[in-house]
Amino acid sequence: MLEMKLYTKFIKKIFFYSILFTGIVLSSMIFDNLIDTKDDSGYLIAVGICCLTFFILEYLLPKLKN
């Protein structure tokens, strides 16, 4: 039973990180079009938003629950 819980938790983490990576790629393309630049400014905004989301979901919420 414990092995199944670890396996399920691992699959959830992999799924979460793949969604996070897809969010970085898609939002960087969206921000590049909105800002209308060809440099890395749209990418930096997208990475900042995704890292903030990751921090809140993976660190802050579990700390607040305890």
N, C-alpha and C. Protein backbone atom coordinates (compact mmCIF):
# COMPACT_ATOMS: atom_id res chain seq x y z
N MET A 1 0.83 -1.20 0.00
CA MET A 1 0.00 0.00 0.00
C MET A 1 0.86 1.26 0.00
N LEU A 2 1.93 1.24 0.78
CA LEU A 2 2.83 2.39 0.85
C LEU A 2 3.51 2.64 -0.50
N GLU A 3 3.87 1.55 -1.19
CA GLU A 3 4.50 1.70 -2.50
C GLU A 3 3.55 2.34 -3.50
N MET A 4 2.29 2.00 -3.40
CA MET A 4 1.29 2.58 -4.30
C MET A 4 1.12 4.06 -4.03
N LYS A 5 1.16 4.47 -2.76
CA LYS A 5 1.06 5.89 -2.43
C LYS A 5 2.24 6.67 -2.98
N LEU A 6 3.45 6.11 -2.84
CA LEU A 6 4.63 6.77 -3.37
C LEU A 6 4.58 6.87 -4.89
N TYR A 7 4.12 5.81 -5.51
CA TYR A 7 3.99 5.80 -6.97
C TYR A 7 2.98 6.84 -7.43
N THR A 8 1.86 6.94 -6.76
CA THR A 8 0.83 7.91 -7.10
C THR A 8 1.34 9.33 -6.89
N LYS A 9 2.05 9.55 -5.78
CA LYS A 9 2.61 10.87 -5.51
C LYS A 9 3.64 11.26 -6.57
N PHE A 10 4.46 10.29 -7.00
CA PHE A 10 5.45 10.53 -8.03
C PHE A 10 4.79 10.89 -9.36
N ILE A 11 3.74 10.18 -9.73
CA ILE A 11 3.02 10.47 -10.98
C ILE A 11 2.39 11.85 -10.93
N LYS A 12 1.85 12.24 -9.77
CA LYS A 12 1.27 13.57 -9.64
C LYS A 12 2.32 14.65 -9.79
N LYS A 13 3.52 14.43 -9.23
CA LYS A 13 4.61 15.41 -9.36
C LYS A 13 5.05 15.54 -10.82
N ILE A 14 5.20 14.42 -11.50
CA ILE A 14 5.60 14.45 -12.91
C ILE A 14 4.56 15.19 -13.73
N PHE A 15 3.29 14.93 -13.48
CA PHE A 15 2.21 15.62 -14.19
C PHE A 15 2.24 17.11 -13.91
N PHE A 16 2.46 17.50 -12.64
CA PHE A 16 2.51 18.90 -12.27
C PHE A 16 3.68 19.61 -12.95
N TYR A 17 4.86 18.98 -12.97
CA TYR A 17 6.02 19.60 -13.58
C TYR A 17 5.89 19.70 -15.10
N SER A 18 5.23 18.74 -15.72
CA SER A 18 5.01 18.85 -17.17
C SER A 18 4.05 19.98 -17.49
N ILE A 19 3.02 20.15 -16.67
CA ILE A 19 2.10 21.28 -16.87
C ILE A 19 2.83 22.60 -16.62
N LEU A 20 3.69 22.64 -15.62
CA LEU A 20 4.46 23.86 -15.34
C LEU A 20 5.38 24.21 -16.51
N PHE A 21 6.05 23.22 -17.08
CA PHE A 21 6.92 23.47 -18.22
C PHE A 21 6.12 23.94 -19.43
N THR A 22 4.98 23.32 -19.67
CA THR A 22 4.12 23.75 -20.78
C THR A 22 3.63 25.17 -20.55
N GLY A 23 3.32 25.51 -19.31
CA GLY A 23 2.91 26.88 -18.99
C GLY A 23 4.00 27.89 -19.25
N ILE A 24 5.25 27.52 -18.95
CA ILE A 24 6.37 28.42 -19.22
C ILE A 24 6.50 28.68 -20.71
N VAL A 25 6.43 27.62 -21.50
CA VAL A 25 6.60 27.76 -22.94
C VAL A 25 5.46 28.56 -23.56
N LEU A 26 4.21 28.20 -23.22
CA LEU A 26 3.07 28.89 -23.83
C LEU A 26 2.95 30.34 -23.37
N SER A 27 3.15 30.59 -22.09
CA SER A 27 3.02 31.96 -21.62
C SER A 27 4.16 32.84 -22.11
N SER A 28 5.34 32.26 -22.34
CA SER A 28 6.41 33.08 -22.89
C SER A 28 6.08 33.51 -24.31
N MET A 29 5.43 32.63 -25.09
CA MET A 29 5.02 33.02 -26.44
C MET A 29 3.94 34.09 -26.38
N ILE A 30 3.01 33.96 -25.45
CA ILE A 30 1.93 34.94 -25.32
C ILE A 30 2.50 36.30 -24.90
N PHE A 31 3.39 36.30 -23.89
CA PHE A 31 3.96 37.57 -23.43
C PHE A 31 4.86 38.21 -24.48
N ASP A 32 5.55 37.39 -25.30
CA ASP A 32 6.35 37.96 -26.38
C ASP A 32 5.46 38.69 -27.38
N ASN A 33 4.29 38.14 -27.65
CA ASN A 33 3.38 38.79 -28.60
C ASN A 33 2.75 40.03 -27.98
N LEU A 34 2.43 39.99 -26.68
CA LEU A 34 1.80 41.15 -26.04
C LEU A 34 2.77 42.30 -25.87
N ILE A 35 4.00 41.99 -25.49
CA ILE A 35 5.00 43.05 -25.29
C ILE A 35 5.54 43.52 -26.63
N ASP A 36 5.44 42.67 -27.65
CA ASP A 36 5.89 42.97 -29.01
C ASP A 36 7.40 43.23 -29.05
N THR A 37 8.13 42.32 -28.44
CA THR A 37 9.59 42.36 -28.50
C THR A 37 10.10 41.02 -28.97
N LYS A 38 11.31 41.00 -29.42
CA LYS A 38 11.92 39.75 -29.88
C LYS A 38 13.05 39.30 -28.96
N ASP A 39 13.24 39.98 -27.84
CA ASP A 39 14.27 39.55 -26.91
C ASP A 39 13.65 38.67 -25.82
N ASP A 40 14.30 38.54 -24.70
CA ASP A 40 13.87 37.59 -23.67
C ASP A 40 12.93 38.18 -22.63
N SER A 41 12.38 39.35 -22.85
CA SER A 41 11.55 39.95 -21.81
C SER A 41 10.26 39.18 -21.57
N GLY A 42 9.63 38.69 -22.60
CA GLY A 42 8.42 37.89 -22.43
C GLY A 42 8.71 36.58 -21.73
N TYR A 43 9.86 35.98 -22.05
CA TYR A 43 10.25 34.74 -21.41
C TYR A 43 10.52 34.95 -19.91
N LEU A 44 11.16 36.05 -19.57
CA LEU A 44 11.46 36.32 -18.16
C LEU A 44 10.20 36.54 -17.34
N ILE A 45 9.21 37.22 -17.90
CA ILE A 45 7.94 37.41 -17.20
C ILE A 45 7.26 36.06 -16.99
N ALA A 46 7.25 35.23 -18.02
CA ALA A 46 6.61 33.92 -17.92
C ALA A 46 7.30 33.03 -16.88
N VAL A 47 8.63 33.03 -16.87
CA VAL A 47 9.36 32.23 -15.89
C VAL A 47 9.09 32.74 -14.48
N GLY A 48 9.02 34.06 -14.32
CA GLY A 48 8.73 34.62 -13.00
C GLY A 48 7.35 34.22 -12.49
N ILE A 49 6.36 34.28 -13.34
CA ILE A 49 5.00 33.89 -12.94
C ILE A 49 4.94 32.40 -12.62
N CYS A 50 5.57 31.57 -13.45
CA CYS A 50 5.54 30.12 -13.20
C CYS A 50 6.33 29.74 -11.95
N CYS A 51 7.44 30.41 -11.70
CA CYS A 51 8.20 30.13 -10.48
C CYS A 51 7.44 30.58 -9.24
N LEU A 52 6.74 31.68 -9.33
CA LEU A 52 5.91 32.12 -8.21
C LEU A 52 4.79 31.12 -7.95
N THR A 53 4.17 30.62 -9.01
CA THR A 53 3.13 29.60 -8.86
C THR A 53 3.69 28.34 -8.23
N PHE A 54 4.86 27.92 -8.69
CA PHE A 54 5.51 26.74 -8.13
C PHE A 54 5.82 26.93 -6.64
N PHE A 55 6.33 28.09 -6.28
CA PHE A 55 6.66 28.36 -4.88
C PHE A 55 5.41 28.32 -4.00
N ILE A 56 4.35 28.91 -4.46
CA ILE A 56 3.11 28.94 -3.66
C ILE A 56 2.54 27.53 -3.51
N LEU A 57 2.48 26.78 -4.61
CA LEU A 57 1.85 25.46 -4.56
C LEU A 57 2.70 24.40 -3.85
N GLU A 58 4.02 24.47 -4.02
CA GLU A 58 4.88 23.42 -3.49
C GLU A 58 5.44 23.74 -2.10
N TYR A 59 5.58 25.00 -1.77
CA TYR A 59 6.21 25.33 -0.50
C TYR A 59 5.27 26.05 0.47
N LEU A 60 4.65 27.10 0.01
CA LEU A 60 3.88 27.96 0.91
C LEU A 60 2.60 27.30 1.41
N LEU A 61 1.82 26.71 0.53
CA LEU A 61 0.58 26.06 0.95
C LEU A 61 0.81 24.89 1.92
N PRO A 62 1.78 23.98 1.65
CA PRO A 62 2.03 22.94 2.65
C PRO A 62 2.53 23.48 3.98
N LYS A 63 3.32 24.55 3.96
CA LYS A 63 3.78 25.16 5.22
C LYS A 63 2.62 25.76 5.99
N LEU A 64 1.68 26.39 5.29
CA LEU A 64 0.54 27.01 5.97
C LEU A 64 -0.42 25.95 6.50
N LYS A 65 -0.50 24.79 5.86
CA LYS A 65 -1.39 23.74 6.35
C LYS A 65 -0.87 23.14 7.65
N ASN A 66 0.45 23.13 7.81
CA ASN A 66 1.04 22.58 9.05
C ASN A 66 1.05 23.65 10.08
